[in-house]
N, C-alpha and C. Protein backbone atom coordinates (compact mmCIF):
# COMPACT_ATOMS: atom_id res chain seq x y z
N MET A 1 2.76 -103.64 17.82
CA MET A 1 4.07 -103.44 18.40
C MET A 1 4.10 -102.09 19.09
N SER A 2 4.67 -102.10 20.28
CA SER A 2 4.76 -100.85 21.03
C SER A 2 6.19 -100.31 20.99
N LYS A 3 6.28 -98.98 21.15
CA LYS A 3 7.57 -98.32 21.16
C LYS A 3 7.67 -97.47 22.43
N LEU A 4 8.84 -97.54 23.05
CA LEU A 4 9.13 -96.73 24.22
C LEU A 4 10.23 -95.74 23.85
N LEU A 5 9.98 -94.46 24.07
CA LEU A 5 10.97 -93.44 23.75
C LEU A 5 12.08 -93.47 24.80
N LEU A 6 13.31 -93.72 24.34
CA LEU A 6 14.46 -93.73 25.24
C LEU A 6 15.10 -92.35 25.35
N LEU A 7 15.32 -91.70 24.19
CA LEU A 7 15.90 -90.37 24.17
C LEU A 7 15.24 -89.55 23.07
N ASN A 8 14.81 -88.34 23.43
CA ASN A 8 14.32 -87.40 22.42
C ASN A 8 15.43 -86.40 22.12
N THR A 9 15.17 -85.43 21.28
CA THR A 9 16.21 -84.50 20.84
C THR A 9 16.89 -83.78 22.00
N PRO A 10 16.16 -83.16 22.94
CA PRO A 10 16.84 -82.46 24.04
C PRO A 10 17.65 -83.41 24.94
N LYS A 11 17.10 -84.57 25.25
CA LYS A 11 17.82 -85.52 26.10
C LYS A 11 19.03 -86.09 25.39
N LEU A 12 18.91 -86.26 24.09
CA LEU A 12 20.04 -86.75 23.30
C LEU A 12 21.18 -85.74 23.32
N HIS A 13 20.84 -84.47 23.19
CA HIS A 13 21.87 -83.42 23.23
C HIS A 13 22.57 -83.39 24.59
N VAL A 14 21.81 -83.50 25.66
CA VAL A 14 22.41 -83.51 27.01
C VAL A 14 23.31 -84.74 27.17
N THR A 15 22.87 -85.87 26.66
CA THR A 15 23.67 -87.09 26.74
C THR A 15 24.99 -86.93 25.98
N LEU A 16 24.93 -86.35 24.79
CA LEU A 16 26.15 -86.12 24.01
C LEU A 16 27.08 -85.13 24.70
N GLN A 17 26.53 -84.11 25.34
CA GLN A 17 27.36 -83.17 26.10
C GLN A 17 28.06 -83.88 27.25
N ARG A 18 27.34 -84.75 27.94
CA ARG A 18 27.94 -85.51 29.05
C ARG A 18 29.05 -86.41 28.54
N LEU A 19 28.83 -87.08 27.42
CA LEU A 19 29.85 -87.95 26.85
C LEU A 19 31.09 -87.15 26.46
N ALA A 20 30.89 -85.97 25.89
CA ALA A 20 32.02 -85.11 25.52
C ALA A 20 32.81 -84.71 26.77
N CYS A 21 32.10 -84.39 27.84
CA CYS A 21 32.78 -84.04 29.10
C CYS A 21 33.55 -85.23 29.66
N GLN A 22 33.00 -86.42 29.54
CA GLN A 22 33.71 -87.61 30.01
C GLN A 22 34.99 -87.84 29.22
N ILE A 23 34.93 -87.62 27.92
CA ILE A 23 36.14 -87.73 27.10
C ILE A 23 37.18 -86.73 27.59
N ALA A 24 36.74 -85.51 27.83
CA ALA A 24 37.66 -84.45 28.29
C ALA A 24 38.25 -84.79 29.66
N GLU A 25 37.45 -85.35 30.54
CA GLU A 25 37.93 -85.69 31.88
C GLU A 25 38.92 -86.84 31.87
N LYS A 26 38.75 -87.76 30.94
CA LYS A 26 39.56 -88.97 30.93
C LYS A 26 40.95 -88.77 30.32
N SER A 27 41.12 -87.70 29.56
CA SER A 27 42.39 -87.48 28.88
C SER A 27 42.97 -86.13 29.25
N ALA A 28 44.25 -86.11 29.48
CA ALA A 28 44.93 -84.84 29.76
C ALA A 28 45.47 -84.23 28.47
N ASP A 29 45.88 -85.08 27.55
CA ASP A 29 46.50 -84.61 26.31
C ASP A 29 45.77 -85.23 25.13
N PHE A 30 45.34 -84.38 24.21
CA PHE A 30 44.58 -84.86 23.06
C PHE A 30 45.39 -84.84 21.77
N ALA A 31 46.68 -84.61 21.87
CA ALA A 31 47.52 -84.49 20.67
C ALA A 31 47.46 -85.75 19.81
N ASP A 32 47.39 -86.90 20.40
CA ASP A 32 47.38 -88.16 19.66
C ASP A 32 46.07 -88.93 19.83
N THR A 33 44.95 -88.21 19.96
CA THR A 33 43.64 -88.83 20.12
C THR A 33 42.79 -88.51 18.90
N VAL A 34 42.08 -89.51 18.38
CA VAL A 34 41.21 -89.33 17.23
C VAL A 34 39.86 -89.99 17.49
N LEU A 35 38.82 -89.46 16.86
CA LEU A 35 37.49 -90.06 16.89
C LEU A 35 37.27 -90.79 15.57
N ILE A 36 36.72 -91.99 15.65
CA ILE A 36 36.36 -92.72 14.44
C ILE A 36 34.92 -93.20 14.58
N GLY A 37 34.05 -92.66 13.73
CA GLY A 37 32.65 -93.07 13.72
C GLY A 37 32.46 -94.28 12.84
N LEU A 38 31.73 -95.26 13.36
CA LEU A 38 31.45 -96.47 12.58
C LEU A 38 30.24 -96.22 11.68
N GLN A 39 30.41 -96.56 10.41
CA GLN A 39 29.34 -96.36 9.43
C GLN A 39 28.17 -97.28 9.74
N PRO A 40 26.94 -96.87 9.56
CA PRO A 40 26.59 -95.52 9.14
C PRO A 40 26.25 -94.59 10.32
N ARG A 41 25.52 -95.07 11.31
CA ARG A 41 24.98 -94.15 12.33
C ARG A 41 25.98 -93.72 13.39
N GLY A 42 27.05 -94.45 13.57
CA GLY A 42 28.09 -94.01 14.50
C GLY A 42 28.76 -92.74 14.03
N VAL A 43 28.71 -92.50 12.73
CA VAL A 43 29.28 -91.29 12.16
C VAL A 43 28.50 -90.07 12.63
N PHE A 44 27.16 -90.19 12.69
CA PHE A 44 26.34 -89.07 13.16
C PHE A 44 26.68 -88.73 14.61
N VAL A 45 26.85 -89.75 15.43
CA VAL A 45 27.22 -89.54 16.85
C VAL A 45 28.58 -88.87 16.92
N ALA A 46 29.55 -89.39 16.18
CA ALA A 46 30.92 -88.86 16.23
C ALA A 46 30.97 -87.40 15.76
N ARG A 47 30.24 -87.07 14.71
CA ARG A 47 30.23 -85.68 14.22
C ARG A 47 29.66 -84.73 15.26
N ARG A 48 28.61 -85.15 15.91
CA ARG A 48 28.01 -84.29 16.94
C ARG A 48 28.93 -84.16 18.15
N LEU A 49 29.57 -85.25 18.52
CA LEU A 49 30.54 -85.19 19.63
C LEU A 49 31.68 -84.24 19.29
N GLN A 50 32.20 -84.37 18.07
CA GLN A 50 33.30 -83.50 17.67
C GLN A 50 32.88 -82.03 17.74
N LYS A 51 31.68 -81.73 17.29
CA LYS A 51 31.17 -80.35 17.33
C LYS A 51 31.09 -79.83 18.77
N ILE A 52 30.59 -80.65 19.67
CA ILE A 52 30.48 -80.25 21.09
C ILE A 52 31.87 -80.07 21.69
N LEU A 53 32.78 -80.99 21.39
CA LEU A 53 34.14 -80.89 21.91
C LEU A 53 34.80 -79.59 21.46
N ILE A 54 34.60 -79.22 20.21
CA ILE A 54 35.21 -77.99 19.68
C ILE A 54 34.53 -76.75 20.26
N GLN A 55 33.20 -76.69 20.15
CA GLN A 55 32.47 -75.48 20.53
C GLN A 55 32.42 -75.24 22.04
N ASP A 56 32.19 -76.28 22.79
CA ASP A 56 31.99 -76.12 24.24
C ASP A 56 33.26 -76.29 25.05
N LEU A 57 34.19 -77.13 24.57
CA LEU A 57 35.36 -77.48 25.38
C LEU A 57 36.68 -77.09 24.73
N SER A 58 36.63 -76.52 23.55
CA SER A 58 37.84 -76.11 22.80
C SER A 58 38.84 -77.26 22.63
N ILE A 59 38.31 -78.46 22.41
CA ILE A 59 39.14 -79.64 22.17
C ILE A 59 38.95 -80.05 20.72
N HIS A 60 40.04 -80.06 19.98
CA HIS A 60 39.98 -80.38 18.56
C HIS A 60 40.51 -81.80 18.32
N LEU A 61 39.60 -82.70 18.01
CA LEU A 61 39.98 -84.08 17.69
C LEU A 61 39.70 -84.34 16.22
N ALA A 62 40.65 -84.97 15.56
CA ALA A 62 40.43 -85.36 14.17
C ALA A 62 39.33 -86.41 14.13
N LEU A 63 38.55 -86.38 13.06
CA LEU A 63 37.42 -87.29 12.91
C LEU A 63 37.58 -88.10 11.64
N GLY A 64 37.38 -89.40 11.77
CA GLY A 64 37.38 -90.29 10.62
C GLY A 64 36.15 -91.17 10.63
N THR A 65 35.93 -91.87 9.52
CA THR A 65 34.82 -92.81 9.44
C THR A 65 35.37 -94.17 9.01
N LEU A 66 34.75 -95.22 9.53
CA LEU A 66 35.22 -96.57 9.24
C LEU A 66 34.04 -97.45 8.87
N ASP A 67 34.17 -98.13 7.74
CA ASP A 67 33.17 -99.11 7.31
C ASP A 67 33.69 -100.50 7.66
N VAL A 68 32.83 -101.31 8.28
CA VAL A 68 33.26 -102.65 8.71
C VAL A 68 32.55 -103.76 7.94
N THR A 69 31.87 -103.40 6.86
CA THR A 69 31.05 -104.37 6.12
C THR A 69 31.80 -105.66 5.79
N PHE A 70 32.99 -105.53 5.22
CA PHE A 70 33.71 -106.72 4.76
C PHE A 70 34.46 -107.44 5.87
N ASP A 71 34.45 -106.88 7.08
CA ASP A 71 35.09 -107.53 8.23
C ASP A 71 34.07 -108.20 9.15
N ARG A 72 32.80 -108.09 8.80
CA ARG A 72 31.75 -108.70 9.62
C ARG A 72 31.75 -110.21 9.45
N ASP A 73 31.45 -110.92 10.53
CA ASP A 73 31.40 -112.38 10.44
C ASP A 73 30.10 -112.87 9.80
N ASP A 74 29.14 -111.96 9.60
CA ASP A 74 27.88 -112.33 8.94
C ASP A 74 27.78 -111.73 7.54
N PHE A 75 28.92 -111.35 6.98
CA PHE A 75 28.94 -110.69 5.67
C PHE A 75 28.20 -111.50 4.61
N ARG A 76 28.39 -112.79 4.62
CA ARG A 76 27.75 -113.64 3.61
C ARG A 76 26.57 -114.43 4.17
N HIS A 77 26.02 -113.99 5.27
CA HIS A 77 24.90 -114.67 5.90
C HIS A 77 23.62 -114.40 5.10
N PRO A 78 22.93 -115.45 4.65
CA PRO A 78 21.77 -115.26 3.77
C PRO A 78 20.62 -114.47 4.42
N GLN A 79 20.42 -114.60 5.72
CA GLN A 79 19.32 -113.90 6.38
C GLN A 79 19.61 -112.41 6.56
N LYS A 80 20.83 -112.01 6.47
CA LYS A 80 21.21 -110.61 6.66
C LYS A 80 20.84 -109.77 5.45
N GLY A 81 20.67 -110.40 4.31
CA GLY A 81 20.41 -109.65 3.09
C GLY A 81 21.71 -109.08 2.56
N GLN A 82 21.60 -108.29 1.53
CA GLN A 82 22.80 -107.70 0.93
C GLN A 82 23.24 -106.51 1.77
N LEU A 83 24.45 -106.56 2.26
CA LEU A 83 25.02 -105.46 3.02
C LEU A 83 25.70 -104.50 2.05
N LEU A 84 25.39 -103.23 2.19
CA LEU A 84 25.97 -102.23 1.31
C LEU A 84 27.11 -101.51 2.01
N PRO A 85 28.30 -101.58 1.45
CA PRO A 85 29.43 -100.91 2.09
C PRO A 85 29.29 -99.40 2.04
N GLN A 86 29.84 -98.76 3.05
CA GLN A 86 29.87 -97.30 3.15
C GLN A 86 31.32 -96.85 2.95
N LYS A 87 31.54 -95.57 3.07
CA LYS A 87 32.87 -95.01 2.84
C LYS A 87 33.72 -95.05 4.12
N THR A 88 34.96 -95.48 3.99
CA THR A 88 35.96 -95.33 5.05
C THR A 88 36.78 -94.11 4.70
N ASP A 89 36.92 -93.21 5.66
CA ASP A 89 37.70 -92.00 5.46
C ASP A 89 38.50 -91.74 6.73
N LEU A 90 39.76 -92.10 6.70
CA LEU A 90 40.66 -91.87 7.83
C LEU A 90 41.75 -90.91 7.37
N PRO A 91 41.53 -89.59 7.55
CA PRO A 91 42.49 -88.61 7.06
C PRO A 91 43.68 -88.42 8.01
N PHE A 92 44.04 -89.46 8.70
CA PHE A 92 45.15 -89.44 9.64
C PHE A 92 45.69 -90.85 9.77
N VAL A 93 46.83 -90.98 10.36
CA VAL A 93 47.44 -92.29 10.62
C VAL A 93 47.00 -92.72 12.01
N VAL A 94 46.57 -93.97 12.17
CA VAL A 94 46.14 -94.45 13.49
C VAL A 94 47.30 -95.02 14.31
N GLN A 95 48.43 -95.25 13.67
CA GLN A 95 49.59 -95.81 14.34
C GLN A 95 49.94 -94.99 15.59
N ASN A 96 50.00 -95.66 16.74
CA ASN A 96 50.36 -95.06 18.03
C ASN A 96 49.41 -93.98 18.52
N LYS A 97 48.21 -93.92 17.98
CA LYS A 97 47.22 -92.96 18.42
C LYS A 97 46.26 -93.61 19.41
N LYS A 98 45.63 -92.78 20.23
CA LYS A 98 44.50 -93.24 21.03
C LYS A 98 43.28 -93.05 20.15
N VAL A 99 42.59 -94.14 19.85
CA VAL A 99 41.42 -94.13 18.99
C VAL A 99 40.17 -94.31 19.84
N ILE A 100 39.22 -93.42 19.65
CA ILE A 100 37.91 -93.59 20.29
C ILE A 100 36.94 -94.00 19.20
N LEU A 101 36.55 -95.28 19.20
CA LEU A 101 35.56 -95.78 18.26
C LEU A 101 34.19 -95.34 18.75
N VAL A 102 33.35 -94.86 17.84
CA VAL A 102 32.04 -94.33 18.20
C VAL A 102 30.97 -95.07 17.41
N ASP A 103 29.97 -95.60 18.13
CA ASP A 103 28.83 -96.23 17.48
C ASP A 103 27.56 -95.84 18.20
N ASP A 104 26.42 -96.07 17.56
CA ASP A 104 25.17 -95.66 18.17
C ASP A 104 24.65 -96.69 19.17
N VAL A 105 24.64 -97.97 18.81
CA VAL A 105 24.09 -99.01 19.69
C VAL A 105 25.09 -100.16 19.79
N LEU A 106 25.38 -100.56 21.02
CA LEU A 106 26.20 -101.75 21.25
C LEU A 106 25.26 -102.88 21.62
N TYR A 107 25.28 -103.93 20.82
CA TYR A 107 24.37 -105.05 21.02
C TYR A 107 25.18 -106.31 21.32
N THR A 108 25.55 -107.09 20.32
CA THR A 108 26.25 -108.35 20.56
C THR A 108 27.76 -108.17 20.69
N GLY A 109 28.28 -107.06 20.18
CA GLY A 109 29.71 -106.82 20.18
C GLY A 109 30.38 -107.21 18.87
N ARG A 110 29.64 -107.83 17.97
CA ARG A 110 30.22 -108.31 16.73
C ARG A 110 30.64 -107.16 15.79
N THR A 111 29.90 -106.08 15.79
CA THR A 111 30.29 -104.93 14.97
C THR A 111 31.60 -104.34 15.47
N ILE A 112 31.77 -104.29 16.77
CA ILE A 112 33.00 -103.75 17.35
C ILE A 112 34.17 -104.68 17.05
N ARG A 113 33.94 -105.98 17.10
CA ARG A 113 35.00 -106.93 16.74
C ARG A 113 35.42 -106.69 15.29
N ALA A 114 34.44 -106.49 14.42
CA ALA A 114 34.73 -106.21 13.02
C ALA A 114 35.48 -104.88 12.88
N ALA A 115 35.10 -103.90 13.68
CA ALA A 115 35.78 -102.59 13.63
C ALA A 115 37.23 -102.72 14.05
N LEU A 116 37.50 -103.50 15.06
CA LEU A 116 38.89 -103.70 15.50
C LEU A 116 39.70 -104.37 14.40
N SER A 117 39.08 -105.32 13.73
CA SER A 117 39.76 -106.00 12.62
C SER A 117 40.02 -105.03 11.46
N ALA A 118 39.01 -104.25 11.10
CA ALA A 118 39.16 -103.28 10.01
C ALA A 118 40.19 -102.22 10.37
N LEU A 119 40.20 -101.79 11.60
CA LEU A 119 41.13 -100.76 12.05
C LEU A 119 42.58 -101.24 11.93
N GLY A 120 42.80 -102.53 12.15
CA GLY A 120 44.14 -103.09 12.05
C GLY A 120 44.78 -102.93 10.69
N ALA A 121 43.98 -102.78 9.65
CA ALA A 121 44.51 -102.57 8.31
C ALA A 121 45.15 -101.19 8.14
N PHE A 122 44.87 -100.29 9.09
CA PHE A 122 45.37 -98.92 9.00
C PHE A 122 46.49 -98.62 9.99
N GLY A 123 46.94 -99.64 10.71
CA GLY A 123 48.03 -99.44 11.66
C GLY A 123 47.65 -99.99 13.03
N ARG A 124 48.58 -99.80 13.96
CA ARG A 124 48.37 -100.31 15.32
C ARG A 124 48.21 -99.13 16.29
N PRO A 125 46.96 -98.88 16.73
CA PRO A 125 46.76 -97.80 17.68
C PRO A 125 47.45 -98.11 19.01
N ARG A 126 47.80 -97.05 19.73
CA ARG A 126 48.36 -97.22 21.07
C ARG A 126 47.28 -97.74 22.02
N ARG A 127 46.06 -97.24 21.84
CA ARG A 127 44.94 -97.61 22.70
C ARG A 127 43.65 -97.43 21.90
N VAL A 128 42.68 -98.30 22.16
CA VAL A 128 41.36 -98.16 21.54
C VAL A 128 40.32 -98.12 22.66
N GLU A 129 39.48 -97.10 22.61
CA GLU A 129 38.36 -96.99 23.55
C GLU A 129 37.07 -97.01 22.74
N LEU A 130 35.98 -97.36 23.42
CA LEU A 130 34.69 -97.47 22.75
C LEU A 130 33.67 -96.56 23.41
N LEU A 131 33.00 -95.77 22.59
CA LEU A 131 31.91 -94.91 23.03
C LEU A 131 30.66 -95.36 22.30
N THR A 132 29.60 -95.61 23.06
CA THR A 132 28.34 -96.00 22.45
C THR A 132 27.21 -95.19 23.08
N LEU A 133 26.28 -94.78 22.25
CA LEU A 133 25.16 -93.99 22.72
C LEU A 133 24.21 -94.86 23.55
N ILE A 134 23.92 -96.06 23.06
CA ILE A 134 23.04 -97.00 23.77
C ILE A 134 23.77 -98.31 23.97
N ASP A 135 23.83 -98.77 25.21
CA ASP A 135 24.43 -100.06 25.54
C ASP A 135 23.30 -101.02 25.88
N ARG A 136 23.06 -101.97 24.99
CA ARG A 136 22.05 -103.01 25.25
C ARG A 136 22.69 -104.05 26.16
N LYS A 137 22.44 -103.92 27.43
CA LYS A 137 23.04 -104.84 28.39
C LYS A 137 22.46 -106.25 28.21
N TYR A 138 23.22 -107.21 28.69
CA TYR A 138 22.80 -108.62 28.74
C TYR A 138 22.57 -109.22 27.36
N SER A 139 23.26 -108.72 26.35
CA SER A 139 23.03 -109.26 25.01
C SER A 139 24.33 -109.55 24.26
N ARG A 140 25.46 -109.56 24.96
CA ARG A 140 26.75 -109.73 24.29
C ARG A 140 27.00 -111.17 23.88
N ASP A 141 27.53 -111.31 22.68
CA ASP A 141 28.07 -112.59 22.22
C ASP A 141 29.58 -112.62 22.45
N LEU A 142 30.18 -111.44 22.54
CA LEU A 142 31.62 -111.31 22.70
C LEU A 142 31.91 -110.44 23.93
N PRO A 143 33.05 -110.63 24.57
CA PRO A 143 33.37 -109.87 25.80
C PRO A 143 33.86 -108.45 25.49
N ILE A 144 32.96 -107.63 24.99
CA ILE A 144 33.29 -106.26 24.61
C ILE A 144 32.43 -105.32 25.46
N GLN A 145 33.07 -104.34 26.08
CA GLN A 145 32.36 -103.39 26.93
C GLN A 145 32.78 -101.97 26.56
N PRO A 146 31.85 -101.02 26.58
CA PRO A 146 32.20 -99.64 26.23
C PRO A 146 32.91 -98.92 27.37
N ASP A 147 33.74 -97.95 27.01
CA ASP A 147 34.39 -97.08 27.98
C ASP A 147 33.52 -95.88 28.30
N TYR A 148 32.69 -95.47 27.34
CA TYR A 148 31.79 -94.33 27.50
C TYR A 148 30.40 -94.79 27.08
N ILE A 149 29.41 -94.56 27.93
CA ILE A 149 28.05 -95.03 27.67
C ILE A 149 27.07 -93.87 27.80
N GLY A 150 26.27 -93.66 26.76
CA GLY A 150 25.23 -92.65 26.83
C GLY A 150 24.10 -93.09 27.74
N ARG A 151 23.59 -94.30 27.47
CA ARG A 151 22.51 -94.84 28.29
C ARG A 151 22.54 -96.36 28.21
N GLU A 152 22.40 -97.00 29.35
CA GLU A 152 22.29 -98.46 29.40
C GLU A 152 20.82 -98.84 29.37
N VAL A 153 20.51 -99.87 28.58
CA VAL A 153 19.13 -100.32 28.46
C VAL A 153 19.11 -101.83 28.61
N ASN A 154 18.28 -102.31 29.51
CA ASN A 154 18.08 -103.74 29.66
C ASN A 154 17.10 -104.19 28.58
N THR A 155 17.54 -105.11 27.74
CA THR A 155 16.70 -105.55 26.64
C THR A 155 16.67 -107.07 26.58
N ILE A 156 15.67 -107.56 25.88
CA ILE A 156 15.62 -108.98 25.55
C ILE A 156 15.85 -109.09 24.05
N GLN A 157 16.17 -110.28 23.60
CA GLN A 157 16.57 -110.48 22.21
C GLN A 157 15.52 -110.02 21.21
N SER A 158 14.24 -110.15 21.53
CA SER A 158 13.19 -109.79 20.57
C SER A 158 13.01 -108.28 20.43
N GLN A 159 13.56 -107.50 21.33
CA GLN A 159 13.42 -106.06 21.25
C GLN A 159 14.45 -105.46 20.30
N VAL A 160 14.11 -104.31 19.75
CA VAL A 160 14.98 -103.63 18.80
C VAL A 160 15.14 -102.18 19.26
N VAL A 161 16.36 -101.67 19.16
CA VAL A 161 16.60 -100.26 19.42
C VAL A 161 16.62 -99.55 18.07
N LEU A 162 15.70 -98.60 17.89
CA LEU A 162 15.61 -97.83 16.65
C LEU A 162 16.22 -96.45 16.89
N VAL A 163 17.16 -96.07 16.05
CA VAL A 163 17.80 -94.76 16.16
C VAL A 163 17.40 -93.95 14.94
N GLU A 164 16.78 -92.80 15.19
CA GLU A 164 16.33 -91.93 14.11
C GLU A 164 17.09 -90.62 14.18
N TRP A 165 17.77 -90.26 13.09
CA TRP A 165 18.56 -89.03 13.02
C TRP A 165 17.95 -88.08 12.01
N GLN A 166 17.99 -86.80 12.30
CA GLN A 166 17.54 -85.80 11.34
C GLN A 166 18.35 -85.90 10.05
N GLU A 167 19.63 -86.26 10.18
CA GLU A 167 20.48 -86.41 9.00
C GLU A 167 19.99 -87.50 8.05
N GLN A 168 19.15 -88.39 8.56
CA GLN A 168 18.59 -89.45 7.73
C GLN A 168 17.20 -89.10 7.22
N GLY A 169 16.75 -87.87 7.49
CA GLY A 169 15.46 -87.44 6.99
C GLY A 169 14.33 -87.47 8.00
N PHE A 170 14.60 -87.87 9.24
CA PHE A 170 13.56 -87.86 10.25
C PHE A 170 13.31 -86.43 10.73
N GLU A 171 12.09 -86.18 11.17
CA GLU A 171 11.73 -84.84 11.61
C GLU A 171 12.52 -84.42 12.84
N GLN A 172 12.70 -85.35 13.77
CA GLN A 172 13.47 -85.09 14.99
C GLN A 172 14.36 -86.29 15.27
N ASP A 173 15.39 -86.04 16.07
CA ASP A 173 16.20 -87.16 16.56
C ASP A 173 15.40 -87.90 17.62
N ALA A 174 15.50 -89.20 17.62
CA ALA A 174 14.80 -90.00 18.64
C ALA A 174 15.42 -91.39 18.68
N ILE A 175 15.44 -91.94 19.88
CA ILE A 175 15.88 -93.33 20.05
C ILE A 175 14.75 -94.06 20.76
N TRP A 176 14.33 -95.15 20.15
CA TRP A 176 13.18 -95.91 20.62
C TRP A 176 13.57 -97.35 20.97
N LEU A 177 12.85 -97.92 21.92
CA LEU A 177 12.94 -99.36 22.19
C LEU A 177 11.63 -99.95 21.70
N LYS A 178 11.75 -100.83 20.71
CA LYS A 178 10.56 -101.41 20.07
C LYS A 178 10.39 -102.86 20.52
N ASN A 179 9.20 -103.18 20.98
CA ASN A 179 8.89 -104.57 21.41
C ASN A 179 8.36 -105.37 20.25
């Protein structure tokens, strides 16, 4: 099996800075805007984005985490194996807020559908936007498209996008396309 490096640590940082700038450009007022990272790896993206927004752009957005395990349509699917739930931590009310959902890879759209369902248990946001680090084009099962894209990648079903974070114990951050 071969692997193609999509983003290394420096390119990943530049991509996150660009995404932070796009968030800043798209909104005039951040008083009612929150970031929500989808467990597990979307949380790493959201934390880094929040840090860049604060340090580089002086924009302070509240950050929460959302687990969608029990809202997935494949929760009891035997081939999926046992799914382990993560922690949901929303230290704010989502009612009437602009929510930016953050995930690492957008593939079929089913995780985002589950996130929208899970988010509904916490109130009705005024608006929901989607930020994804990698958009696997041509692979959607559902009509879901991101508002902010780090990188678009044309993939076939047999390929896998591997995301490695230092927070998970990897030596460096890296995103790979595996054949």
